[in-house]
Amino acid sequence: MLAEAERPVLEEHGLSMWQYVVLSALSPGAAPSQLVLAQQIHYDKTRLIALLDGLVAEGLVSRSPDPSDRRARVVRLTPLGVGRHAAVRDAIRVVEEELLAGMTTEERRVLRAGLAHLAHSD
């Protein structure tokens, strides 16, 4: 239900759900490699290249050789990527607030904690 409510927000900003996942994963800082990024977001490493190619073409992420391992690529948000991620994140928060409007503050806290636990469980 939440993903369906977020889909129009993502489309409005020209992103797919997986592209947003990548931007969110990179928002705290660069991924040391494409492989690490794939592992972090639980995405097939062979399919990640095409996903990143699209984000690079949009100017949202950059890939540069790792100085310590020229075979690896460090992936990071560009300034445009930082701005797009922030705009989408803020718009999604508005949608979430509307969906959760009937819940108490404590119910929202418990729901978010449970969802965060599920998202981070392997």
PDB file of N, CA and C in Angstrom:
ATOM      1  N   MET A   1       0.827  -1.189   0.000  1.00  0.00           N
ATOM      2  CA  MET A   1       0.000   0.000   0.000  1.00  0.00           C
ATOM      3  C   MET A   1       0.876   1.259   0.000  1.00  0.00           C
ATOM      4  N   LEU A   2       1.886   1.282   0.874  1.00  0.00           N
ATOM      5  CA  LEU A   2       2.753   2.442   0.952  1.00  0.00           C
ATOM      6  C   LEU A   2       3.527   2.630  -0.350  1.00  0.00           C
ATOM      7  N   ALA A   3       4.037   1.518  -0.892  1.00  0.00           N
ATOM      8  CA  ALA A   3       4.789   1.606  -2.151  1.00  0.00           C
ATOM      9  C   ALA A   3       3.905   2.154  -3.265  1.00  0.00           C
ATOM     10  N   GLU A   4       2.657   1.738  -3.303  1.00  0.00           N
ATOM     11  CA  GLU A   4       1.744   2.252  -4.329  1.00  0.00           C
ATOM     12  C   GLU A   4       1.455   3.733  -4.129  1.00  0.00           C
ATOM     13  N   ALA A   5       1.375   4.169  -2.886  1.00  0.00           N
ATOM     14  CA  ALA A   5       1.131   5.584  -2.602  1.00  0.00           C
ATOM     15  C   ALA A   5       2.353   6.429  -2.964  1.00  0.00           C
ATOM     16  N   GLU A   6       3.549   5.821  -2.861  1.00  0.00           N
ATOM     17  CA  GLU A   6       4.780   6.543  -3.172  1.00  0.00           C
ATOM     18  C   GLU A   6       5.072   6.589  -4.671  1.00  0.00           C
ATOM     19  N   ARG A   7       4.540   5.660  -5.427  1.00  0.00           N
ATOM     20  CA  ARG A   7       4.846   5.563  -6.854  1.00  0.00           C
ATOM     21  C   ARG A   7       4.600   6.877  -7.610  1.00  0.00           C
ATOM     22  N   PRO A   8       3.470   7.574  -7.409  1.00  0.00           N
ATOM     23  CA  PRO A   8       3.284   8.851  -8.113  1.00  0.00           C
ATOM     24  C   PRO A   8       4.331   9.901  -7.747  1.00  0.00           C
ATOM     25  N   VAL A   9       4.784   9.896  -6.493  1.00  0.00           N
ATOM     26  CA  VAL A   9       5.826  10.839  -6.064  1.00  0.00           C
ATOM     27  C   VAL A   9       7.111  10.542  -6.820  1.00  0.00           C
ATOM     28  N   LEU A  10       7.472   9.270  -6.883  1.00  0.00           N
ATOM     29  CA  LEU A  10       8.687   8.880  -7.590  1.00  0.00           C
ATOM     30  C   LEU A  10       8.590   9.237  -9.071  1.00  0.00           C
ATOM     31  N   GLU A  11       7.444   8.939  -9.680  1.00  0.00           N
ATOM     32  CA  GLU A  11       7.257   9.250 -11.101  1.00  0.00           C
ATOM     33  C   GLU A  11       7.350  10.753 -11.354  1.00  0.00           C
ATOM     34  N   GLU A  12       6.790  11.533 -10.450  1.00  0.00           N
ATOM     35  CA  GLU A  12       6.844  12.997 -10.575  1.00  0.00           C
ATOM     36  C   GLU A  12       8.287  13.505 -10.589  1.00  0.00           C
ATOM     37  N   HIS A  13       9.150  12.789  -9.889  1.00  0.00           N
ATOM     38  CA  HIS A  13      10.564  13.171  -9.812  1.00  0.00           C
ATOM     39  C   HIS A  13      11.441  12.375 -10.773  1.00  0.00           C
ATOM     40  N   GLY A  14      10.807  11.577 -11.634  1.00  0.00           N
ATOM     41  CA  GLY A  14      11.547  10.843 -12.653  1.00  0.00           C
ATOM     42  C   GLY A  14      12.392   9.702 -12.139  1.00  0.00           C
ATOM     43  N   LEU A  15      11.940   9.051 -11.061  1.00  0.00           N
ATOM     44  CA  LEU A  15      12.692   7.946 -10.486  1.00  0.00           C
ATOM     45  C   LEU A  15      11.853   6.685 -10.374  1.00  0.00           C
ATOM     46  N   SER A  16      12.533   5.552 -10.469  1.00  0.00           N
ATOM     47  CA  SER A  16      11.898   4.278 -10.143  1.00  0.00           C
ATOM     48  C   SER A  16      12.139   4.015  -8.654  1.00  0.00           C
ATOM     49  N   MET A  17      11.451   3.025  -8.114  1.00  0.00           N
ATOM     50  CA  MET A  17      11.651   2.677  -6.710  1.00  0.00           C
ATOM     51  C   MET A  17      13.103   2.264  -6.465  1.00  0.00           C
ATOM     52  N   TRP A  18      13.692   1.459  -7.363  1.00  0.00           N
ATOM     53  CA  TRP A  18      15.072   1.023  -7.179  1.00  0.00           C
ATOM     54  C   TRP A  18      16.056   2.185  -7.303  1.00  0.00           C
ATOM     55  N   GLN A  19      15.784   3.118  -8.173  1.00  0.00           N
ATOM     56  CA  GLN A  19      16.658   4.284  -8.262  1.00  0.00           C
ATOM     57  C   GLN A  19      16.628   5.071  -6.956  1.00  0.00           C
ATOM     58  N   TYR A  20      15.446   5.205  -6.389  1.00  0.00           N
ATOM     59  CA  TYR A  20      15.331   5.900  -5.106  1.00  0.00           C
ATOM     60  C   TYR A  20      16.063   5.130  -4.006  1.00  0.00           C
ATOM     61  N   VAL A  21      15.981   3.811  -4.039  1.00  0.00           N
ATOM     62  CA  VAL A  21      16.701   2.988  -3.064  1.00  0.00           C
ATOM     63  C   VAL A  21      18.203   3.258  -3.162  1.00  0.00           C
ATOM     64  N   VAL A  22      18.725   3.333  -4.385  1.00  0.00           N
ATOM     65  CA  VAL A  22      20.148   3.616  -4.575  1.00  0.00           C
ATOM     66  C   VAL A  22      20.497   4.995  -4.020  1.00  0.00           C
ATOM     67  N   LEU A  23      19.705   6.000  -4.366  1.00  0.00           N
ATOM     68  CA  LEU A  23      19.978   7.350  -3.857  1.00  0.00           C
ATOM     69  C   LEU A  23      19.944   7.373  -2.325  1.00  0.00           C
ATOM     70  N   SER A  24      18.990   6.662  -1.747  1.00  0.00           N
ATOM     71  CA  SER A  24      18.880   6.609  -0.287  1.00  0.00           C
ATOM     72  C   SER A  24      20.095   5.917   0.333  1.00  0.00           C
ATOM     73  N   ALA A  25      20.548   4.847  -0.300  1.00  0.00           N
ATOM     74  CA  ALA A  25      21.719   4.129   0.220  1.00  0.00           C
ATOM     75  C   ALA A  25      22.973   4.990   0.148  1.00  0.00           C
ATOM     76  N   LEU A  26      23.047   5.838  -0.857  1.00  0.00           N
ATOM     77  CA  LEU A  26      24.226   6.688  -1.031  1.00  0.00           C
ATOM     78  C   LEU A  26      24.140   8.002  -0.261  1.00  0.00           C
ATOM     79  N   SER A  27      22.976   8.336   0.258  1.00  0.00           N
ATOM     80  CA  SER A  27      22.821   9.639   0.919  1.00  0.00           C
ATOM     81  C   SER A  27      23.743   9.830   2.129  1.00  0.00           C
ATOM     82  N   PRO A  28      24.050   8.791   2.908  1.00  0.00           N
ATOM     83  CA  PRO A  28      24.999   9.018   4.020  1.00  0.00           C
ATOM     84  C   PRO A  28      26.445   9.192   3.558  1.00  0.00           C
ATOM     85  N   GLY A  29      26.761   8.738   2.356  1.00  0.00           N
ATOM     86  CA  GLY A  29      28.126   8.848   1.841  1.00  0.00           C
ATOM     87  C   GLY A  29      28.352   7.847   0.727  1.00  0.00           C
ATOM     88  N   ALA A  30      29.507   7.908   0.126  1.00  0.00           N
ATOM     89  CA  ALA A  30      29.830   7.065  -1.024  1.00  0.00           C
ATOM     90  C   ALA A  30      29.869   5.594  -0.643  1.00  0.00           C
ATOM     91  N   ALA A  31      29.511   4.753  -1.607  1.00  0.00           N
ATOM     92  CA  ALA A  31      29.700   3.313  -1.468  1.00  0.00           C
ATOM     93  C   ALA A  31      31.111   3.004  -1.941  1.00  0.00           C
ATOM     94  N   PRO A  32      31.849   2.203  -1.187  1.00  0.00           N
ATOM     95  CA  PRO A  32      33.231   1.937  -1.573  1.00  0.00           C
ATOM     96  C   PRO A  32      33.372   1.167  -2.884  1.00  0.00           C
ATOM     97  N   SER A  33      32.303   0.508  -3.301  1.00  0.00           N
ATOM     98  CA  SER A  33      32.322  -0.192  -4.587  1.00  0.00           C
ATOM     99  C   SER A  33      30.898  -0.495  -5.013  1.00  0.00           C
ATOM    100  N   GLN A  34      30.743  -0.802  -6.283  1.00  0.00           N
ATOM    101  CA  GLN A  34      29.431  -1.190  -6.809  1.00  0.00           C
ATOM    102  C   GLN A  34      28.980  -2.488  -6.155  1.00  0.00           C
ATOM    103  N   LEU A  35      29.907  -3.399  -5.901  1.00  0.00           N
ATOM    104  CA  LEU A  35      29.566  -4.668  -5.254  1.00  0.00           C
ATOM    105  C   LEU A  35      29.018  -4.430  -3.853  1.00  0.00           C
ATOM    106  N   VAL A  36      29.678  -3.568  -3.098  1.00  0.00           N
ATOM    107  CA  VAL A  36      29.201  -3.253  -1.744  1.00  0.00           C
ATOM    108  C   VAL A  36      27.817  -2.622  -1.811  1.00  0.00           C
ATOM    109  N   LEU A  37      27.609  -1.719  -2.750  1.00  0.00           N
ATOM    110  CA  LEU A  37      26.298  -1.090  -2.906  1.00  0.00           C
ATOM    111  C   LEU A  37      25.233  -2.144  -3.210  1.00  0.00           C
ATOM    112  N   ALA A  38      25.518  -3.050  -4.118  1.00  0.00           N
ATOM    113  CA  ALA A  38      24.564  -4.120  -4.451  1.00  0.00           C
ATOM    114  C   ALA A  38      24.222  -4.940  -3.213  1.00  0.00           C
ATOM    115  N   GLN A  39      25.225  -5.236  -2.410  1.00  0.00           N
ATOM    116  CA  GLN A  39      24.991  -6.001  -1.182  1.00  0.00           C
ATOM    117  C   GLN A  39      24.162  -5.203  -0.190  1.00  0.00           C
ATOM    118  N   GLN A  40      24.438  -3.923  -0.064  1.00  0.00           N
ATOM    119  CA  GLN A  40      23.711  -3.077   0.889  1.00  0.00           C
ATOM    120  C   GLN A  40      22.227  -3.009   0.555  1.00  0.00           C
ATOM    121  N   ILE A  41      21.904  -2.929  -0.723  1.00  0.00           N
ATOM    122  CA  ILE A  41      20.492  -2.768  -1.101  1.00  0.00           C
ATOM    123  C   ILE A  41      19.845  -4.092  -1.505  1.00  0.00           C
ATOM    124  N   HIS A  42      20.610  -5.190  -1.397  1.00  0.00           N
ATOM    125  CA  HIS A  42      20.094  -6.522  -1.741  1.00  0.00           C
ATOM    126  C   HIS A  42      19.603  -6.565  -3.183  1.00  0.00           C
ATOM    127  N   TYR A  43      20.468  -6.126  -4.085  1.00  0.00           N
ATOM    128  CA  TYR A  43      20.139  -6.045  -5.510  1.00  0.00           C
ATOM    129  C   TYR A  43      21.176  -6.848  -6.285  1.00  0.00           C
ATOM    130  N   ASP A  44      20.748  -7.502  -7.337  1.00  0.00           N
ATOM    131  CA  ASP A  44      21.643  -8.303  -8.169  1.00  0.00           C
ATOM    132  C   ASP A  44      22.759  -7.424  -8.730  1.00  0.00           C
ATOM    133  N   LYS A  45      24.004  -7.797  -8.428  1.00  0.00           N
ATOM    134  CA  LYS A  45      25.140  -6.963  -8.845  1.00  0.00           C
ATOM    135  C   LYS A  45      25.241  -6.835 -10.359  1.00  0.00           C
ATOM    136  N   THR A  46      24.780  -7.828 -11.101  1.00  0.00           N
ATOM    137  CA  THR A  46      24.858  -7.741 -12.565  1.00  0.00           C
ATOM    138  C   THR A  46      23.820  -6.782 -13.126  1.00  0.00           C
ATOM    139  N   ARG A  47      22.717  -6.611 -12.428  1.00  0.00           N
ATOM    140  CA  ARG A  47      21.675  -5.681 -12.875  1.00  0.00           C
ATOM    141  C   ARG A  47      21.930  -4.260 -12.375  1.00  0.00           C
ATOM    142  N   LEU A  48      22.768  -4.132 -11.352  1.00  0.00           N
ATOM    143  CA  LEU A  48      23.048  -2.818 -10.775  1.00  0.00           C
ATOM    144  C   LEU A  48      23.723  -1.890 -11.785  1.00  0.00           C
ATOM    145  N   ILE A  49      24.546  -2.440 -12.666  1.00  0.00           N
ATOM    146  CA  ILE A  49      25.274  -1.618 -13.631  1.00  0.00           C
ATOM    147  C   ILE A  49      24.302  -0.790 -14.473  1.00  0.00           C
ATOM    148  N   ALA A  50      23.270  -1.432 -15.000  1.00  0.00           N
ATOM    149  CA  ALA A  50      22.287  -0.708 -15.823  1.00  0.00           C
ATOM    150  C   ALA A  50      21.546   0.342 -14.993  1.00  0.00           C
ATOM    151  N   LEU A  51      21.229   0.009 -13.766  1.00  0.00           N
ATOM    152  CA  LEU A  51      20.557   0.960 -12.883  1.00  0.00           C
ATOM    153  C   LEU A  51      21.447   2.176 -12.641  1.00  0.00           C
ATOM    154  N   LEU A  52      22.716   1.925 -12.364  1.00  0.00           N
ATOM    155  CA  LEU A  52      23.655   3.028 -12.154  1.00  0.00           C
ATOM    156  C   LEU A  52      23.895   3.819 -13.429  1.00  0.00           C
ATOM    157  N   ASP A  53      23.955   3.136 -14.569  1.00  0.00           N
ATOM    158  CA  ASP A  53      24.128   3.838 -15.849  1.00  0.00           C
ATOM    159  C   ASP A  53      23.040   4.890 -16.032  1.00  0.00           C
ATOM    160  N   GLY A  54      21.793   4.533 -15.711  1.00  0.00           N
ATOM    161  CA  GLY A  54      20.694   5.482 -15.835  1.00  0.00           C
ATOM    162  C   GLY A  54      20.841   6.659 -14.893  1.00  0.00           C
ATOM    163  N   LEU A  55      21.273   6.388 -13.655  1.00  0.00           N
ATOM    164  CA  LEU A  55      21.458   7.466 -12.682  1.00  0.00           C
ATOM    165  C   LEU A  55      22.630   8.362 -13.067  1.00  0.00           C
ATOM    166  N   VAL A  56      23.679   7.782 -13.639  1.00  0.00           N
ATOM    167  CA  VAL A  56      24.811   8.577 -14.124  1.00  0.00           C
ATOM    168  C   VAL A  56      24.358   9.462 -15.277  1.00  0.00           C
ATOM    169  N   ALA A  57      23.581   8.886 -16.206  1.00  0.00           N
ATOM    170  CA  ALA A  57      23.087   9.651 -17.360  1.00  0.00           C
ATOM    171  C   ALA A  57      22.223  10.835 -16.916  1.00  0.00           C
ATOM    172  N   GLU A  58      21.506  10.663 -15.819  1.00  0.00           N
ATOM    173  CA  GLU A  58      20.669  11.748 -15.280  1.00  0.00           C
ATOM    174  C   GLU A  58      21.484  12.751 -14.468  1.00  0.00           C
ATOM    175  N   GLY A  59      22.752  12.429 -14.225  1.00  0.00           N
ATOM    176  CA  GLY A  59      23.604  13.317 -13.444  1.00  0.00           C
ATOM    177  C   GLY A  59      23.392  13.214 -11.941  1.00  0.00           C
ATOM    178  N   LEU A  60      22.778  12.110 -11.490  1.00  0.00           N
ATOM    179  CA  LEU A  60      22.445  11.967 -10.077  1.00  0.00           C
ATOM    180  C   LEU A  60      23.524  11.252  -9.269  1.00  0.00           C
ATOM    181  N   VAL A  61      24.302  10.393  -9.919  1.00  0.00           N
ATOM    182  CA  VAL A  61      25.405   9.719  -9.241  1.00  0.00           C
ATOM    183  C   VAL A  61      26.641   9.766 -10.131  1.00  0.00           C
ATOM    184  N   SER A  62      27.784   9.567  -9.501  1.00  0.00           N
ATOM    185  CA  SER A  62      29.034   9.464 -10.247  1.00  0.00           C
ATOM    186  C   SER A  62      29.727   8.177  -9.829  1.00  0.00           C
ATOM    187  N   ARG A  63      30.535   7.664 -10.735  1.00  0.00           N
ATOM    188  CA  ARG A  63      31.361   6.494 -10.452  1.00  0.00           C
ATOM    189  C   ARG A  63      32.789   6.865 -10.815  1.00  0.00           C
ATOM    190  N   SER A  64      33.685   6.611  -9.887  1.00  0.00           N
ATOM    191  CA  SER A  64      35.089   6.909 -10.162  1.00  0.00           C
ATOM    192  C   SER A  64      35.943   5.735  -9.699  1.00  0.00           C
ATOM    193  N   PRO A  65      37.085   5.559 -10.340  1.00  0.00           N
ATOM    194  CA  PRO A  65      37.957   4.450  -9.934  1.00  0.00           C
ATOM    195  C   PRO A  65      38.387   4.594  -8.480  1.00  0.00           C
ATOM    196  N   ASP A  66      38.425   3.495  -7.783  1.00  0.00           N
ATOM    197  CA  ASP A  66      38.923   3.461  -6.405  1.00  0.00           C
ATOM    198  C   ASP A  66      40.442   3.582  -6.468  1.00  0.00           C
ATOM    199  N   PRO A  67      41.019   4.587  -5.812  1.00  0.00           N
ATOM    200  CA  PRO A  67      42.479   4.759  -5.875  1.00  0.00           C
ATOM    201  C   PRO A  67      43.255   3.528  -5.395  1.00  0.00           C
ATOM    202  N   SER A  68      42.672   2.751  -4.486  1.00  0.00           N
ATOM    203  CA  SER A  68      43.373   1.582  -3.958  1.00  0.00           C
ATOM    204  C   SER A  68      43.117   0.312  -4.772  1.00  0.00           C
ATOM    205  N   ASP A  69      42.116   0.345  -5.651  1.00  0.00           N
ATOM    206  CA  ASP A  69      41.803  -0.816  -6.501  1.00  0.00           C
ATOM    207  C   ASP A  69      41.166  -0.301  -7.784  1.00  0.00           C
ATOM    208  N   ARG A  70      41.959  -0.123  -8.804  1.00  0.00           N
ATOM    209  CA  ARG A  70      41.487   0.489 -10.056  1.00  0.00           C
ATOM    210  C   ARG A  70      40.377  -0.306 -10.736  1.00  0.00           C
ATOM    211  N   ARG A  71      40.170  -1.568 -10.344  1.00  0.00           N
ATOM    212  CA  ARG A  71      39.080  -2.366 -10.920  1.00  0.00           C
ATOM    213  C   ARG A  71      37.736  -1.999 -10.301  1.00  0.00           C
ATOM    214  N   ALA A  72      37.769  -1.476  -9.094  1.00  0.00           N
ATOM    215  CA  ALA A  72      36.542  -1.128  -8.371  1.00  0.00           C
ATOM    216  C   ALA A  72      36.139   0.317  -8.670  1.00  0.00           C
ATOM    217  N   ARG A  73      34.857   0.597  -8.541  1.00  0.00           N
ATOM    218  CA  ARG A  73      34.323   1.943  -8.755  1.00  0.00           C
ATOM    219  C   ARG A  73      33.647   2.432  -7.478  1.00  0.00           C
ATOM    220  N   VAL A  74      34.042   3.620  -7.040  1.00  0.00           N
ATOM    221  CA  VAL A  74      33.396   4.276  -5.908  1.00  0.00           C
ATOM    222  C   VAL A  74      32.165   4.991  -6.461  1.00  0.00           C
ATOM    223  N   VAL A  75      31.039   4.783  -5.809  1.00  0.00           N
ATOM    224  CA  VAL A  75      29.777   5.362  -6.276  1.00  0.00           C
ATOM    225  C   VAL A  75      29.328   6.399  -5.250  1.00  0.00           C
ATOM    226  N   ARG A  76      28.981   7.602  -5.749  1.00  0.00           N
ATOM    227  CA  ARG A  76      28.529   8.654  -4.829  1.00  0.00           C
ATOM    228  C   ARG A  76      27.465   9.514  -5.497  1.00  0.00           C
ATOM    229  N   LEU A  77      26.696  10.188  -4.650  1.00  0.00           N
ATOM    230  CA  LEU A  77      25.709  11.144  -5.149  1.00  0.00           C
ATOM    231  C   LEU A  77      26.418  12.389  -5.663  1.00  0.00           C
ATOM    232  N   THR A  78      25.886  12.956  -6.722  1.00  0.00           N
ATOM    233  CA  THR A  78      26.322  14.267  -7.184  1.00  0.00           C
ATOM    234  C   THR A  78      25.498  15.310  -6.432  1.00  0.00           C
ATOM    235  N   PRO A  79      25.859  16.575  -6.522  1.00  0.00           N
ATOM    236  CA  PRO A  79      25.004  17.603  -5.903  1.00  0.00           C
ATOM    237  C   PRO A  79      23.558  17.536  -6.408  1.00  0.00           C
ATOM    238  N   LEU A  80      23.375  17.267  -7.698  1.00  0.00           N
ATOM    239  CA  LEU A  80      22.021  17.122  -8.238  1.00  0.00           C
ATOM    240  C   LEU A  80      21.317  15.925  -7.598  1.00  0.00           C
ATOM    241  N   GLY A  81      22.052  14.837  -7.388  1.00  0.00           N
ATOM    242  CA  GLY A  81      21.497  13.646  -6.743  1.00  0.00           C
ATOM    243  C   GLY A  81      21.092  13.907  -5.306  1.00  0.00           C
ATOM    244  N   VAL A  82      21.905  14.670  -4.596  1.00  0.00           N
ATOM    245  CA  VAL A  82      21.581  15.032  -3.212  1.00  0.00           C
ATOM    246  C   VAL A  82      20.272  15.813  -3.176  1.00  0.00           C
ATOM    247  N   GLY A  83      20.145  16.778  -4.079  1.00  0.00           N
ATOM    248  CA  GLY A  83      18.925  17.591  -4.132  1.00  0.00           C
ATOM    249  C   GLY A  83      17.700  16.793  -4.528  1.00  0.00           C
ATOM    250  N   ARG A  84      17.841  15.929  -5.527  1.00  0.00           N
ATOM    251  CA  ARG A  84      16.700  15.112  -5.966  1.00  0.00           C
ATOM    252  C   ARG A  84      16.279  14.161  -4.864  1.00  0.00           C
ATOM    253  N   HIS A  85      17.246  13.533  -4.205  1.00  0.00           N
ATOM    254  CA  HIS A  85      16.915  12.616  -3.115  1.00  0.00           C
ATOM    255  C   HIS A  85      16.169  13.350  -2.001  1.00  0.00           C
ATOM    256  N   ALA A  86      16.648  14.521  -1.615  1.00  0.00           N
ATOM    257  CA  ALA A  86      16.006  15.291  -0.545  1.00  0.00           C
ATOM    258  C   ALA A  86      14.576  15.670  -0.924  1.00  0.00           C
ATOM    259  N   ALA A  87      14.371  16.086  -2.165  1.00  0.00           N
ATOM    260  CA  ALA A  87      13.027  16.478  -2.610  1.00  0.00           C
ATOM    261  C   ALA A  87      12.066  15.290  -2.576  1.00  0.00           C
ATOM    262  N   VAL A  88      12.538  14.147  -3.054  1.00  0.00           N
ATOM    263  CA  VAL A  88      11.677  12.954  -3.064  1.00  0.00           C
ATOM    264  C   VAL A  88      11.410  12.489  -1.639  1.00  0.00           C
ATOM    265  N   ARG A  89      12.447  12.458  -0.817  1.00  0.00           N
ATOM    266  CA  ARG A  89      12.285  12.034   0.583  1.00  0.00           C
ATOM    267  C   ARG A  89      11.249  12.905   1.289  1.00  0.00           C
ATOM    268  N   ASP A  90      11.329  14.204   1.088  1.00  0.00           N
ATOM    269  CA  ASP A  90      10.374  15.114   1.724  1.00  0.00           C
ATOM    270  C   ASP A  90       8.958  14.889   1.214  1.00  0.00           C
ATOM    271  N   ALA A  91       8.811  14.671  -0.092  1.00  0.00           N
ATOM    272  CA  ALA A  91       7.479  14.428  -0.668  1.00  0.00           C
ATOM    273  C   ALA A  91       6.904  13.101  -0.173  1.00  0.00           C
ATOM    274  N   ILE A  92       7.758  12.103  -0.027  1.00  0.00           N
ATOM    275  CA  ILE A  92       7.301  10.806   0.489  1.00  0.00           C
ATOM    276  C   ILE A  92       6.864  10.940   1.941  1.00  0.00           C
ATOM    277  N   ARG A  93       7.564  11.739   2.714  1.00  0.00           N
ATOM    278  CA  ARG A  93       7.165  11.954   4.116  1.00  0.00           C
ATOM    279  C   ARG A  93       5.770  12.564   4.211  1.00  0.00           C
ATOM    280  N   VAL A  94       5.444  13.461   3.297  1.00  0.00           N
ATOM    281  CA  VAL A  94       4.103  14.048   3.276  1.00  0.00           C
ATOM    282  C   VAL A  94       3.064  12.963   3.012  1.00  0.00           C
ATOM    283  N   VAL A  95       3.330  12.098   2.036  1.00  0.00           N
ATOM    284  CA  VAL A  95       2.417  10.992   1.711  1.00  0.00           C
ATOM    285  C   VAL A  95       2.261  10.074   2.925  1.00  0.00           C
ATOM    286  N   GLU A  96       3.367   9.749   3.578  1.00  0.00           N
ATOM    287  CA  GLU A  96       3.312   8.887   4.760  1.00  0.00           C
ATOM    288  C   GLU A  96       2.482   9.510   5.871  1.00  0.00           C
ATOM    289  N   GLU A  97       2.660  10.802   6.090  1.00  0.00           N
ATOM    290  CA  GLU A  97       1.888  11.485   7.133  1.00  0.00           C
ATOM    291  C   GLU A  97       0.394  11.422   6.827  1.00  0.00           C
ATOM    292  N   GLU A  98       0.038  11.568   5.571  1.00  0.00           N
ATOM    293  CA  GLU A  98      -1.375  11.480   5.183  1.00  0.00           C
ATOM    294  C   GLU A  98      -1.919  10.075   5.429  1.00  0.00           C
ATOM    295  N   LEU A  99      -1.120   9.058   5.081  1.00  0.00           N
ATOM    296  CA  LEU A  99      -1.560   7.670   5.260  1.00  0.00           C
ATOM    297  C   LEU A  99      -1.671   7.290   6.735  1.00  0.00           C
ATOM    298  N   LEU A 100      -0.811   7.857   7.555  1.00  0.00           N
ATOM    299  CA  LEU A 100      -0.782   7.498   8.972  1.00  0.00           C
ATOM    300  C   LEU A 100      -1.558   8.472   9.851  1.00  0.00           C
ATOM    301  N   ALA A 101      -2.293   9.372   9.246  1.00  0.00           N
ATOM    302  CA  ALA A 101      -2.987  10.428   9.987  1.00  0.00           C
ATOM    303  C   ALA A 101      -3.920   9.886  11.070  1.00  0.00           C
ATOM    304  N   GLY A 102      -4.495   8.708  10.877  1.00  0.00           N
ATOM    305  CA  GLY A 102      -5.420   8.143  11.861  1.00  0.00           C
ATOM    306  C   GLY A 102      -4.748   7.419  13.009  1.00  0.00           C
ATOM    307  N   MET A 103      -3.423   7.362  13.007  1.00  0.00           N
ATOM    308  CA  MET A 103      -2.690   6.635  14.049  1.00  0.00           C
ATOM    309  C   MET A 103      -2.156   7.604  15.104  1.00  0.00           C
ATOM    310  N   THR A 104      -2.044   7.088  16.320  1.00  0.00           N
ATOM    311  CA  THR A 104      -1.433   7.899  17.385  1.00  0.00           C
ATOM    312  C   THR A 104       0.078   7.972  17.141  1.00  0.00           C
ATOM    313  N   THR A 105       0.719   8.880  17.855  1.00  0.00           N
ATOM    314  CA  THR A 105       2.175   9.021  17.759  1.00  0.00           C
ATOM    315  C   THR A 105       2.863   7.715  18.137  1.00  0.00           C
ATOM    316  N   GLU A 106       2.389   7.057  19.174  1.00  0.00           N
ATOM    317  CA  GLU A 106       2.987   5.796  19.617  1.00  0.00           C
ATOM    318  C   GLU A 106       2.770   4.701  18.568  1.00  0.00           C
ATOM    319  N   GLU A 107       1.606   4.631  17.976  1.00  0.00           N
ATOM    320  CA  GLU A 107       1.345   3.633  16.930  1.00  0.00           C
ATOM    321  C   GLU A 107       2.273   3.862  15.725  1.00  0.00           C
ATOM    322  N   ARG A 108       2.479   5.108  15.371  1.00  0.00           N
ATOM    323  CA  ARG A 108       3.394   5.430  14.271  1.00  0.00           C
ATOM    324  C   ARG A 108       4.821   5.006  14.606  1.00  0.00           C
ATOM    325  N   ARG A 109       5.237   5.286  15.842  1.00  0.00           N
ATOM    326  CA  ARG A 109       6.589   4.926  16.266  1.00  0.00           C
ATOM    327  C   ARG A 109       6.792   3.412  16.193  1.00  0.00           C
ATOM    328  N   VAL A 110       5.835   2.656  16.696  1.00  0.00           N
ATOM    329  CA  VAL A 110       5.930   1.198  16.682  1.00  0.00           C
ATOM    330  C   VAL A 110       5.942   0.672  15.247  1.00  0.00           C
ATOM    331  N   LEU A 111       5.091   1.208  14.402  1.00  0.00           N
ATOM    332  CA  LEU A 111       5.049   0.781  13.003  1.00  0.00           C
ATOM    333  C   LEU A 111       6.383   1.060  12.318  1.00  0.00           C
ATOM    334  N   ARG A 112       6.897   2.262  12.483  1.00  0.00           N
ATOM    335  CA  ARG A 112       8.171   2.618  11.835  1.00  0.00           C
ATOM    336  C   ARG A 112       9.319   1.769  12.364  1.00  0.00           C
ATOM    337  N   ALA A 113       9.313   1.497  13.661  1.00  0.00           N
ATOM    338  CA  ALA A 113      10.369   0.647  14.231  1.00  0.00           C
ATOM    339  C   ALA A 113      10.282  -0.758  13.661  1.00  0.00           C
ATOM    340  N   GLY A 114       9.079  -1.281  13.542  1.00  0.00           N
ATOM    341  CA  GLY A 114       8.898  -2.615  12.972  1.00  0.00           C
ATOM    342  C   GLY A 114       9.323  -2.673  11.512  1.00  0.00           C
ATOM    343  N   LEU A 115       8.980  -1.665  10.751  1.00  0.00           N
ATOM    344  CA  LEU A 115       9.366  -1.622   9.341  1.00  0.00           C
ATOM    345  C   LEU A 115      10.885  -1.495   9.190  1.00  0.00           C
ATOM    346  N   ALA A 116      11.507  -0.683  10.038  1.00  0.00           N
ATOM    347  CA  ALA A 116      12.955  -0.541   9.987  1.00  0.00           C
ATOM    348  C   ALA A 116      13.630  -1.869  10.317  1.00  0.00           C
ATOM    349  N   HIS A 117      13.078  -2.588  11.298  1.00  0.00           N
ATOM    350  CA  HIS A 117      13.627  -3.894  11.658  1.00  0.00           C
ATOM    351  C   HIS A 117      13.528  -4.864  10.473  1.00  0.00           C
ATOM    352  N   LEU A 118      12.385  -4.892   9.823  1.00  0.00           N
ATOM    353  CA  LEU A 118      12.204  -5.768   8.662  1.00  0.00           C
ATOM    354  C   LEU A 118      13.152  -5.385   7.520  1.00  0.00           C
ATOM    355  N   ALA A 119      13.311  -4.106   7.306  1.00  0.00           N
ATOM    356  CA  ALA A 119      14.163  -3.640   6.216  1.00  0.00           C
ATOM    357  C   ALA A 119      15.625  -4.000   6.434  1.00  0.00           C
ATOM    358  N   HIS A 120      16.049  -4.108   7.668  1.00  0.00           N
ATOM    359  CA  HIS A 120      17.458  -4.368   7.964  1.00  0.00           C
ATOM    360  C   HIS A 120      17.743  -5.818   8.343  1.00  0.00           C
ATOM    361  N   SER A 121      16.724  -6.660   8.308  1.00  0.00           N
ATOM    362  CA  SER A 121      16.965  -8.077   8.630  1.00  0.00           C
ATOM    363  C   SER A 121      17.402  -8.813   7.373  1.00  0.00           C
ATOM    364  N   ASP A 122      18.290  -9.742   7.545  1.00  0.00           N
ATOM    365  CA  ASP A 122      18.787 -10.517   6.400  1.00  0.00           C
ATOM    366  C   ASP A 122      18.127 -11.809   6.355  1.00  0.00           C
TER     367      ASP A 122
END
